[in-house]
Amino acid sequence: MAAETDDPTDAAARLEAALQRIAQAASQAGRQPPDAPAPDPALQDWIRSGTEIAERLDMLIAELRAALAPGRPG
C-alpha cells in the first residue's frame, strides 16, 4: 500500500476506495445463488456482520459531517 499522508484529499480518496470495497463485498454477499458453493470465510463474515458494519458507518459519517460543518445538524 502506498504511504498514507495527512492530506484531506488523499484521505478522502482512501475512504472512497474503502467504501467501494465494502459495497462490492456486500453486493457479492447478497447475490449468492442457493446452489453456489459456500463463500469464502471473509465473505461469510460480511453476511453475518452487515448490520453492524452499516451502523458503524452511519456513526462515522455523522461524526464526519459534524466535523466538516460545525453548527449544522448531521
N, C-alpha and C. Protein backbone atom coordinates (compact mmCIF):
# COMPACT_ATOMS: atom_id res chain seq x y z
N MET A 1 0.85 -1.17 0.00
CA MET A 1 0.00 0.00 0.00
C MET A 1 0.89 1.23 0.00
N ALA A 2 0.46 2.25 -0.70
CA ALA A 2 1.23 3.49 -0.77
C ALA A 2 1.26 4.14 0.61
N ALA A 3 2.28 4.96 0.82
CA ALA A 3 2.39 5.66 2.09
C ALA A 3 1.19 6.59 2.27
N GLU A 4 0.63 6.57 3.47
CA GLU A 4 -0.51 7.42 3.74
C GLU A 4 -0.03 8.80 4.17
N THR A 5 -0.81 9.81 3.82
CA THR A 5 -0.49 11.18 4.22
C THR A 5 -1.65 11.73 5.04
N ASP A 6 -1.44 12.89 5.61
CA ASP A 6 -2.50 13.56 6.35
C ASP A 6 -3.31 14.49 5.46
N ASP A 7 -2.99 14.54 4.18
CA ASP A 7 -3.70 15.41 3.26
C ASP A 7 -5.17 15.00 3.18
N PRO A 8 -6.10 15.94 3.41
CA PRO A 8 -7.53 15.60 3.38
C PRO A 8 -7.99 15.01 2.04
N THR A 9 -7.44 15.49 0.94
CA THR A 9 -7.83 14.96 -0.37
C THR A 9 -7.41 13.50 -0.50
N ASP A 10 -6.20 13.18 -0.05
CA ASP A 10 -5.73 11.79 -0.09
C ASP A 10 -6.57 10.91 0.83
N ALA A 11 -6.88 11.43 2.01
CA ALA A 11 -7.69 10.67 2.97
C ALA A 11 -9.08 10.40 2.39
N ALA A 12 -9.66 11.41 1.74
CA ALA A 12 -10.98 11.23 1.13
C ALA A 12 -10.94 10.17 0.03
N ALA A 13 -9.86 10.16 -0.75
CA ALA A 13 -9.73 9.16 -1.81
C ALA A 13 -9.61 7.75 -1.21
N ARG A 14 -8.84 7.62 -0.12
CA ARG A 14 -8.71 6.30 0.53
C ARG A 14 -10.05 5.87 1.12
N LEU A 15 -10.77 6.81 1.71
CA LEU A 15 -12.09 6.50 2.28
C LEU A 15 -13.05 6.05 1.18
N GLU A 16 -13.04 6.77 0.08
CA GLU A 16 -13.92 6.40 -1.04
C GLU A 16 -13.60 4.99 -1.54
N ALA A 17 -12.32 4.67 -1.68
CA ALA A 17 -11.93 3.34 -2.14
C ALA A 17 -12.36 2.27 -1.14
N ALA A 18 -12.21 2.56 0.14
CA ALA A 18 -12.61 1.59 1.16
C ALA A 18 -14.13 1.38 1.14
N LEU A 19 -14.89 2.45 1.00
CA LEU A 19 -16.34 2.32 0.95
C LEU A 19 -16.79 1.55 -0.29
N GLN A 20 -16.10 1.75 -1.39
CA GLN A 20 -16.43 0.99 -2.60
C GLN A 20 -16.15 -0.50 -2.40
N ARG A 21 -15.06 -0.84 -1.71
CA ARG A 21 -14.77 -2.25 -1.43
C ARG A 21 -15.84 -2.85 -0.51
N ILE A 22 -16.28 -2.09 0.47
CA ILE A 22 -17.33 -2.56 1.37
C ILE A 22 -18.61 -2.81 0.59
N ALA A 23 -18.98 -1.87 -0.27
CA ALA A 23 -20.21 -2.02 -1.07
C ALA A 23 -20.11 -3.22 -2.00
N GLN A 24 -18.95 -3.40 -2.62
CA GLN A 24 -18.77 -4.53 -3.52
C GLN A 24 -18.89 -5.86 -2.77
N ALA A 25 -18.26 -5.95 -1.62
CA ALA A 25 -18.34 -7.18 -0.83
C ALA A 25 -19.76 -7.45 -0.38
N ALA A 26 -20.47 -6.42 0.05
CA ALA A 26 -21.85 -6.60 0.49
C ALA A 26 -22.74 -7.02 -0.68
N SER A 27 -22.49 -6.44 -1.85
CA SER A 27 -23.26 -6.79 -3.03
C SER A 27 -23.02 -8.25 -3.42
N GLN A 28 -21.78 -8.68 -3.37
CA GLN A 28 -21.46 -10.07 -3.70
C GLN A 28 -22.10 -11.03 -2.70
N ALA A 29 -22.12 -10.64 -1.45
CA ALA A 29 -22.71 -11.49 -0.42
C ALA A 29 -24.19 -11.69 -0.67
N GLY A 30 -24.88 -10.64 -1.15
CA GLY A 30 -26.31 -10.73 -1.38
C GLY A 30 -26.68 -11.43 -2.66
N ARG A 31 -25.72 -11.72 -3.55
CA ARG A 31 -26.03 -12.34 -4.84
C ARG A 31 -25.68 -13.81 -4.90
N GLN A 32 -25.38 -14.43 -3.80
CA GLN A 32 -25.02 -15.84 -3.83
C GLN A 32 -26.26 -16.69 -4.14
N PRO A 33 -26.27 -17.42 -5.27
CA PRO A 33 -27.40 -18.30 -5.56
C PRO A 33 -27.44 -19.46 -4.56
N PRO A 34 -28.63 -20.02 -4.35
CA PRO A 34 -28.77 -21.08 -3.35
C PRO A 34 -27.86 -22.28 -3.60
N ASP A 35 -27.59 -22.62 -4.86
CA ASP A 35 -26.79 -23.81 -5.15
C ASP A 35 -25.29 -23.49 -5.32
N ALA A 36 -24.91 -22.25 -5.03
CA ALA A 36 -23.50 -21.86 -5.17
C ALA A 36 -22.67 -22.48 -4.06
N PRO A 37 -21.40 -22.73 -4.33
CA PRO A 37 -20.54 -23.21 -3.25
C PRO A 37 -20.47 -22.17 -2.14
N ALA A 38 -20.17 -22.61 -0.96
CA ALA A 38 -20.10 -21.69 0.17
C ALA A 38 -19.08 -20.59 -0.11
N PRO A 39 -19.43 -19.35 0.22
CA PRO A 39 -18.48 -18.27 0.00
C PRO A 39 -17.29 -18.41 0.95
N ASP A 40 -16.21 -17.74 0.61
CA ASP A 40 -15.05 -17.83 1.48
C ASP A 40 -15.39 -17.26 2.86
N PRO A 41 -14.64 -17.63 3.88
CA PRO A 41 -14.97 -17.20 5.25
C PRO A 41 -15.07 -15.69 5.42
N ALA A 42 -14.25 -14.92 4.72
CA ALA A 42 -14.32 -13.46 4.85
C ALA A 42 -15.67 -12.95 4.36
N LEU A 43 -16.16 -13.51 3.26
CA LEU A 43 -17.46 -13.09 2.74
C LEU A 43 -18.57 -13.52 3.68
N GLN A 44 -18.45 -14.68 4.29
CA GLN A 44 -19.45 -15.11 5.27
C GLN A 44 -19.49 -14.14 6.45
N ASP A 45 -18.33 -13.64 6.86
CA ASP A 45 -18.29 -12.65 7.94
C ASP A 45 -19.06 -11.40 7.55
N TRP A 46 -18.93 -10.97 6.27
CA TRP A 46 -19.67 -9.80 5.80
C TRP A 46 -21.17 -10.04 5.91
N ILE A 47 -21.59 -11.23 5.53
CA ILE A 47 -23.02 -11.55 5.56
C ILE A 47 -23.53 -11.45 6.99
N ARG A 48 -22.77 -12.01 7.93
CA ARG A 48 -23.21 -12.02 9.33
C ARG A 48 -23.14 -10.65 9.97
N SER A 49 -22.19 -9.83 9.58
CA SER A 49 -21.98 -8.57 10.29
C SER A 49 -22.42 -7.34 9.50
N GLY A 50 -23.19 -7.53 8.46
CA GLY A 50 -23.60 -6.40 7.63
C GLY A 50 -24.32 -5.30 8.39
N THR A 51 -25.22 -5.67 9.29
CA THR A 51 -25.95 -4.68 10.06
C THR A 51 -25.01 -3.90 10.96
N GLU A 52 -24.09 -4.59 11.61
CA GLU A 52 -23.13 -3.93 12.49
C GLU A 52 -22.25 -2.95 11.69
N ILE A 53 -21.80 -3.38 10.52
CA ILE A 53 -20.98 -2.52 9.68
C ILE A 53 -21.76 -1.28 9.27
N ALA A 54 -23.01 -1.45 8.88
CA ALA A 54 -23.84 -0.31 8.47
C ALA A 54 -24.01 0.67 9.62
N GLU A 55 -24.23 0.16 10.82
CA GLU A 55 -24.39 1.04 11.98
C GLU A 55 -23.10 1.80 12.27
N ARG A 56 -21.96 1.12 12.19
CA ARG A 56 -20.68 1.79 12.42
C ARG A 56 -20.43 2.88 11.38
N LEU A 57 -20.73 2.57 10.11
CA LEU A 57 -20.55 3.57 9.05
C LEU A 57 -21.47 4.77 9.26
N ASP A 58 -22.71 4.52 9.67
CA ASP A 58 -23.64 5.62 9.93
C ASP A 58 -23.09 6.55 11.01
N MET A 59 -22.54 5.97 12.09
CA MET A 59 -21.98 6.78 13.17
C MET A 59 -20.77 7.58 12.69
N LEU A 60 -19.89 6.92 11.92
CA LEU A 60 -18.70 7.62 11.41
C LEU A 60 -19.07 8.75 10.46
N ILE A 61 -20.05 8.51 9.60
CA ILE A 61 -20.48 9.54 8.66
C ILE A 61 -21.09 10.72 9.42
N ALA A 62 -21.87 10.45 10.45
CA ALA A 62 -22.46 11.54 11.25
C ALA A 62 -21.35 12.36 11.92
N GLU A 63 -20.33 11.69 12.45
CA GLU A 63 -19.21 12.39 13.08
C GLU A 63 -18.46 13.24 12.05
N LEU A 64 -18.24 12.69 10.88
CA LEU A 64 -17.54 13.42 9.82
C LEU A 64 -18.34 14.65 9.39
N ARG A 65 -19.64 14.49 9.21
CA ARG A 65 -20.48 15.62 8.82
C ARG A 65 -20.43 16.72 9.88
N ALA A 66 -20.50 16.32 11.14
CA ALA A 66 -20.45 17.31 12.22
C ALA A 66 -19.11 18.04 12.23
N ALA A 67 -18.04 17.32 11.97
CA ALA A 67 -16.70 17.94 11.97
C ALA A 67 -16.52 18.89 10.78
N LEU A 68 -17.10 18.52 9.65
CA LEU A 68 -16.91 19.33 8.44
C LEU A 68 -17.82 20.56 8.40
N ALA A 69 -18.94 20.49 9.06
CA ALA A 69 -19.90 21.60 9.01
C ALA A 69 -20.40 21.91 10.42
N PRO A 70 -19.52 22.46 11.27
CA PRO A 70 -19.96 22.76 12.64
C PRO A 70 -21.16 23.70 12.64
N GLY A 71 -22.07 23.45 13.54
CA GLY A 71 -23.28 24.27 13.64
C GLY A 71 -24.42 23.80 12.78
N ARG A 72 -24.12 22.87 11.85
CA ARG A 72 -25.18 22.30 11.00
C ARG A 72 -25.60 20.96 11.57
N PRO A 73 -26.88 20.65 11.55
CA PRO A 73 -27.30 19.31 12.01
C PRO A 73 -26.72 18.24 11.10
N GLY A 74 -26.31 17.10 11.71
CA GLY A 74 -25.73 16.00 10.94
C GLY A 74 -26.74 15.26 10.19
